[in-house]
């Protein structure tokens, strides 16, 4: 894979993680400031949310 393709994939992955974290936070019923904070955390919050469901 070339450098430009790998950089595009990494950038897309980060934005998807942030979006997913914000959606999960919204579903959990958090306020807007917490939703934005979870968006910054991205994949960390997604993993935390998933582990909490187990």
PDB file of N, CA and C in Angstrom:
ATOM      1  N   UNK A   1       0.845  -1.171   0.000  1.00  0.00           N
ATOM      2  CA  UNK A   1       0.000   0.000   0.000  1.00  0.00           C
ATOM      3  C   UNK A   1       0.895   1.240   0.000  1.00  0.00           C
ATOM      4  N   UNK A   2       0.509   2.229  -0.734  1.00  0.00           N
ATOM      5  CA  UNK A   2       1.299   3.451  -0.790  1.00  0.00           C
ATOM      6  C   UNK A   2       1.046   4.316   0.438  1.00  0.00           C
ATOM      7  N   UNK A   3       1.922   5.284   0.644  1.00  0.00           N
ATOM      8  CA  UNK A   3       1.791   6.157   1.815  1.00  0.00           C
ATOM      9  C   UNK A   3       0.509   6.972   1.778  1.00  0.00           C
ATOM     10  N   UNK A   4       0.112   7.441   0.594  1.00  0.00           N
ATOM     11  CA  UNK A   4      -1.091   8.269   0.512  1.00  0.00           C
ATOM     12  C   UNK A   4      -2.339   7.468   0.849  1.00  0.00           C
ATOM     13  N   UNK A   5      -2.401   6.209   0.429  1.00  0.00           N
ATOM     14  CA  UNK A   5      -3.568   5.382   0.750  1.00  0.00           C
ATOM     15  C   UNK A   5      -3.619   5.068   2.237  1.00  0.00           C
ATOM     16  N   UNK A   6      -2.497   4.747   2.847  1.00  0.00           N
ATOM     17  CA  UNK A   6      -2.498   4.422   4.267  1.00  0.00           C
ATOM     18  C   UNK A   6      -2.855   5.644   5.107  1.00  0.00           C
ATOM     19  N   UNK A   7      -2.422   6.822   4.686  1.00  0.00           N
ATOM     20  CA  UNK A   7      -2.764   8.042   5.410  1.00  0.00           C
ATOM     21  C   UNK A   7      -4.260   8.321   5.312  1.00  0.00           C
ATOM     22  N   UNK A   8      -4.860   8.087   4.152  1.00  0.00           N
ATOM     23  CA  UNK A   8      -6.296   8.281   3.972  1.00  0.00           C
ATOM     24  C   UNK A   8      -7.086   7.320   4.847  1.00  0.00           C
ATOM     25  N   UNK A   9      -6.667   6.077   4.914  1.00  0.00           N
ATOM     26  CA  UNK A   9      -7.354   5.087   5.741  1.00  0.00           C
ATOM     27  C   UNK A   9      -7.275   5.480   7.203  1.00  0.00           C
ATOM     28  N   UNK A  10      -6.115   5.911   7.666  1.00  0.00           N
ATOM     29  CA  UNK A  10      -5.953   6.313   9.059  1.00  0.00           C
ATOM     30  C   UNK A  10      -6.821   7.521   9.388  1.00  0.00           C
ATOM     31  N   UNK A  11      -6.878   8.484   8.504  1.00  0.00           N
ATOM     32  CA  UNK A  11      -7.704   9.663   8.735  1.00  0.00           C
ATOM     33  C   UNK A  11      -9.177   9.290   8.776  1.00  0.00           C
ATOM     34  N   UNK A  12      -9.624   8.421   7.889  1.00  0.00           N
ATOM     35  CA  UNK A  12     -11.017   7.984   7.883  1.00  0.00           C
ATOM     36  C   UNK A  12     -11.343   7.205   9.142  1.00  0.00           C
ATOM     37  N   UNK A  13     -10.430   6.377   9.589  1.00  0.00           N
ATOM     38  CA  UNK A  13     -10.650   5.592  10.800  1.00  0.00           C
ATOM     39  C   UNK A  13     -10.807   6.457  12.032  1.00  0.00           C
ATOM     40  N   UNK A  14     -10.039   7.513  12.111  1.00  0.00           N
ATOM     41  CA  UNK A  14     -10.119   8.412  13.261  1.00  0.00           C
ATOM     42  C   UNK A  14     -11.460   9.138  13.270  1.00  0.00           C
ATOM     43  N   UNK A  15     -11.910   9.612  12.130  1.00  0.00           N
ATOM     44  CA  UNK A  15     -13.180  10.336  12.089  1.00  0.00           C
ATOM     45  C   UNK A  15     -14.365   9.405  12.352  1.00  0.00           C
ATOM     46  N   UNK A  16     -14.283   8.182  11.897  1.00  0.00           N
ATOM     47  CA  UNK A  16     -15.348   7.208  12.161  1.00  0.00           C
ATOM     48  C   UNK A  16     -15.404   6.894  13.646  1.00  0.00           C
ATOM     49  N   UNK A  17     -14.248   6.764  14.288  1.00  0.00           N
ATOM     50  CA  UNK A  17     -14.205   6.507  15.728  1.00  0.00           C
ATOM     51  C   UNK A  17     -14.818   7.636  16.525  1.00  0.00           C
ATOM     52  N   UNK A  18     -14.541   8.856  16.134  1.00  0.00           N
ATOM     53  CA  UNK A  18     -15.106  10.014  16.824  1.00  0.00           C
ATOM     54  C   UNK A  18     -16.615  10.070  16.654  1.00  0.00           C
ATOM     55  N   UNK A  19     -17.068   9.837  15.444  1.00  0.00           N
ATOM     56  CA  UNK A  19     -18.501   9.849  15.176  1.00  0.00           C
ATOM     57  C   UNK A  19     -19.212   8.747  15.947  1.00  0.00           C
ATOM     58  N   UNK A  20     -18.637   7.548  15.945  1.00  0.00           N
ATOM     59  CA  UNK A  20     -19.234   6.428  16.670  1.00  0.00           C
ATOM     60  C   UNK A  20     -19.278   6.709  18.166  1.00  0.00           C
ATOM     61  N   UNK A  21     -18.228   7.294  18.713  1.00  0.00           N
ATOM     62  CA  UNK A  21     -18.202   7.632  20.135  1.00  0.00           C
ATOM     63  C   UNK A  21     -19.295   8.634  20.477  1.00  0.00           C
ATOM     64  N   UNK A  22     -19.495   9.621  19.613  1.00  0.00           N
ATOM     65  CA  UNK A  22     -20.527  10.624  19.873  1.00  0.00           C
ATOM     66  C   UNK A  22     -21.927  10.024  19.791  1.00  0.00           C
ATOM     67  N   UNK A  23     -22.142   9.116  18.855  1.00  0.00           N
ATOM     68  CA  UNK A  23     -23.453   8.462  18.733  1.00  0.00           C
ATOM     69  C   UNK A  23     -23.731   7.594  19.956  1.00  0.00           C
ATOM     70  N   UNK A  24     -22.732   6.813  20.385  1.00  0.00           N
ATOM     71  CA  UNK A  24     -22.913   5.968  21.563  1.00  0.00           C
ATOM     72  C   UNK A  24     -23.165   6.800  22.813  1.00  0.00           C
ATOM     73  N   UNK A  25     -22.494   7.929  22.927  1.00  0.00           N
ATOM     74  CA  UNK A  25     -22.703   8.811  24.062  1.00  0.00           C
ATOM     75  C   UNK A  25     -24.112   9.400  24.041  1.00  0.00           C
ATOM     76  N   UNK A  26     -24.601   9.745  22.865  1.00  0.00           N
ATOM     77  CA  UNK A  26     -25.967  10.264  22.726  1.00  0.00           C
ATOM     78  C   UNK A  26     -26.991   9.201  23.128  1.00  0.00           C
ATOM     79  N   UNK A  27     -26.760   7.967  22.674  1.00  0.00           N
ATOM     80  CA  UNK A  27     -27.667   6.861  23.013  1.00  0.00           C
ATOM     81  C   UNK A  27     -27.686   6.621  24.520  1.00  0.00           C
ATOM     82  N   UNK A  28     -26.529   6.785  25.166  1.00  0.00           N
ATOM     83  CA  UNK A  28     -26.437   6.586  26.614  1.00  0.00           C
ATOM     84  C   UNK A  28     -27.098   7.729  27.386  1.00  0.00           C
ATOM     85  N   UNK A  29     -27.492   8.799  26.700  1.00  0.00           N
ATOM     86  CA  UNK A  29     -28.244   9.884  27.319  1.00  0.00           C
ATOM     87  C   UNK A  29     -27.404  10.947  27.989  1.00  0.00           C
ATOM     88  N   UNK A  30     -26.183  11.146  27.541  1.00  0.00           N
ATOM     89  CA  UNK A  30     -25.321  12.168  28.120  1.00  0.00           C
ATOM     90  C   UNK A  30     -25.645  13.540  27.534  1.00  0.00           C
ATOM     91  N   UNK A  31     -25.198  14.581  28.232  1.00  0.00           N
ATOM     92  CA  UNK A  31     -25.387  15.955  27.764  1.00  0.00           C
ATOM     93  C   UNK A  31     -24.445  16.294  26.621  1.00  0.00           C
ATOM     94  N   UNK A  32     -24.677  17.441  25.993  1.00  0.00           N
ATOM     95  CA  UNK A  32     -23.937  17.829  24.797  1.00  0.00           C
ATOM     96  C   UNK A  32     -22.443  18.015  25.081  1.00  0.00           C
ATOM     97  N   UNK A  33     -22.080  18.557  26.249  1.00  0.00           N
ATOM     98  CA  UNK A  33     -20.658  18.736  26.547  1.00  0.00           C
ATOM     99  C   UNK A  33     -19.948  17.396  26.697  1.00  0.00           C
ATOM    100  N   UNK A  34     -20.606  16.428  27.302  1.00  0.00           N
ATOM    101  CA  UNK A  34     -20.019  15.090  27.442  1.00  0.00           C
ATOM    102  C   UNK A  34     -19.942  14.405  26.082  1.00  0.00           C
ATOM    103  N   UNK A  35     -20.940  14.611  25.239  1.00  0.00           N
ATOM    104  CA  UNK A  35     -20.926  14.022  23.890  1.00  0.00           C
ATOM    105  C   UNK A  35     -19.717  14.558  23.106  1.00  0.00           C
ATOM    106  N   UNK A  36     -19.472  15.853  23.181  1.00  0.00           N
ATOM    107  CA  UNK A  36     -18.326  16.439  22.487  1.00  0.00           C
ATOM    108  C   UNK A  36     -17.024  15.905  23.062  1.00  0.00           C
ATOM    109  N   UNK A  37     -16.943  15.776  24.388  1.00  0.00           N
ATOM    110  CA  UNK A  37     -15.749  15.228  25.033  1.00  0.00           C
ATOM    111  C   UNK A  37     -15.493  13.798  24.569  1.00  0.00           C
ATOM    112  N   UNK A  38     -16.538  12.984  24.491  1.00  0.00           N
ATOM    113  CA  UNK A  38     -16.382  11.615  24.013  1.00  0.00           C
ATOM    114  C   UNK A  38     -15.977  11.588  22.540  1.00  0.00           C
ATOM    115  N   UNK A  39     -16.426  12.567  21.785  1.00  0.00           N
ATOM    116  CA  UNK A  39     -15.991  12.679  20.392  1.00  0.00           C
ATOM    117  C   UNK A  39     -14.489  12.903  20.292  1.00  0.00           C
ATOM    118  N   UNK A  40     -13.941  13.685  21.217  1.00  0.00           N
ATOM    119  CA  UNK A  40     -12.489  13.893  21.239  1.00  0.00           C
ATOM    120  C   UNK A  40     -11.754  12.613  21.633  1.00  0.00           C
ATOM    121  N   UNK A  41     -12.351  11.846  22.534  1.00  0.00           N
ATOM    122  CA  UNK A  41     -11.712  10.597  22.961  1.00  0.00           C
ATOM    123  C   UNK A  41     -11.779   9.525  21.873  1.00  0.00           C
ATOM    124  N   UNK A  42     -12.822   9.563  21.060  1.00  0.00           N
ATOM    125  CA  UNK A  42     -12.945   8.655  19.919  1.00  0.00           C
ATOM    126  C   UNK A  42     -13.010   7.190  20.295  1.00  0.00           C
ATOM    127  N   UNK A  43     -12.080   6.410  19.771  1.00  0.00           N
ATOM    128  CA  UNK A  43     -12.103   4.960  19.933  1.00  0.00           C
ATOM    129  C   UNK A  43     -11.963   4.538  21.389  1.00  0.00           C
ATOM    130  N   UNK A  44     -11.339   5.355  22.223  1.00  0.00           N
ATOM    131  CA  UNK A  44     -11.208   5.004  23.645  1.00  0.00           C
ATOM    132  C   UNK A  44     -12.588   4.859  24.269  1.00  0.00           C
ATOM    133  N   UNK A  45     -13.500   5.798  23.982  1.00  0.00           N
ATOM    134  CA  UNK A  45     -14.850   5.719  24.532  1.00  0.00           C
ATOM    135  C   UNK A  45     -15.635   4.566  23.913  1.00  0.00           C
ATOM    136  N   UNK A  46     -15.436   4.300  22.638  1.00  0.00           N
ATOM    137  CA  UNK A  46     -16.132   3.187  21.980  1.00  0.00           C
ATOM    138  C   UNK A  46     -15.764   1.875  22.668  1.00  0.00           C
ATOM    139  N   UNK A  47     -14.486   1.667  22.939  1.00  0.00           N
ATOM    140  CA  UNK A  47     -14.052   0.440  23.624  1.00  0.00           C
ATOM    141  C   UNK A  47     -14.612   0.404  25.041  1.00  0.00           C
ATOM    142  N   UNK A  48     -14.558   1.531  25.758  1.00  0.00           N
ATOM    143  CA  UNK A  48     -15.097   1.603  27.106  1.00  0.00           C
ATOM    144  C   UNK A  48     -16.598   1.270  27.119  1.00  0.00           C
ATOM    145  N   UNK A  49     -17.339   1.814  26.162  1.00  0.00           N
ATOM    146  CA  UNK A  49     -18.777   1.563  26.074  1.00  0.00           C
ATOM    147  C   UNK A  49     -19.054   0.089  25.804  1.00  0.00           C
ATOM    148  N   UNK A  50     -18.283  -0.512  24.905  1.00  0.00           N
ATOM    149  CA  UNK A  50     -18.475  -1.913  24.544  1.00  0.00           C
ATOM    150  C   UNK A  50     -18.152  -2.835  25.728  1.00  0.00           C
ATOM    151  N   UNK A  51     -17.088  -2.566  26.438  1.00  0.00           N
ATOM    152  CA  UNK A  51     -16.726  -3.381  27.603  1.00  0.00           C
ATOM    153  C   UNK A  51     -17.800  -3.266  28.674  1.00  0.00           C
ATOM    154  N   UNK A  52     -18.380  -2.089  28.808  1.00  0.00           N
ATOM    155  CA  UNK A  52     -19.455  -1.879  29.788  1.00  0.00           C
ATOM    156  C   UNK A  52     -20.707  -2.685  29.478  1.00  0.00           C
ATOM    157  N   UNK A  53     -20.903  -3.052  28.210  1.00  0.00           N
ATOM    158  CA  UNK A  53     -22.072  -3.841  27.833  1.00  0.00           C
ATOM    159  C   UNK A  53     -21.898  -5.325  28.133  1.00  0.00           C
ATOM    160  N   UNK A  54     -20.655  -5.766  28.333  1.00  0.00           N
ATOM    161  CA  UNK A  54     -20.401  -7.183  28.588  1.00  0.00           C
ATOM    162  C   UNK A  54     -20.739  -7.593  29.977  1.00  0.00           C
TER     163      UNK A  54
END
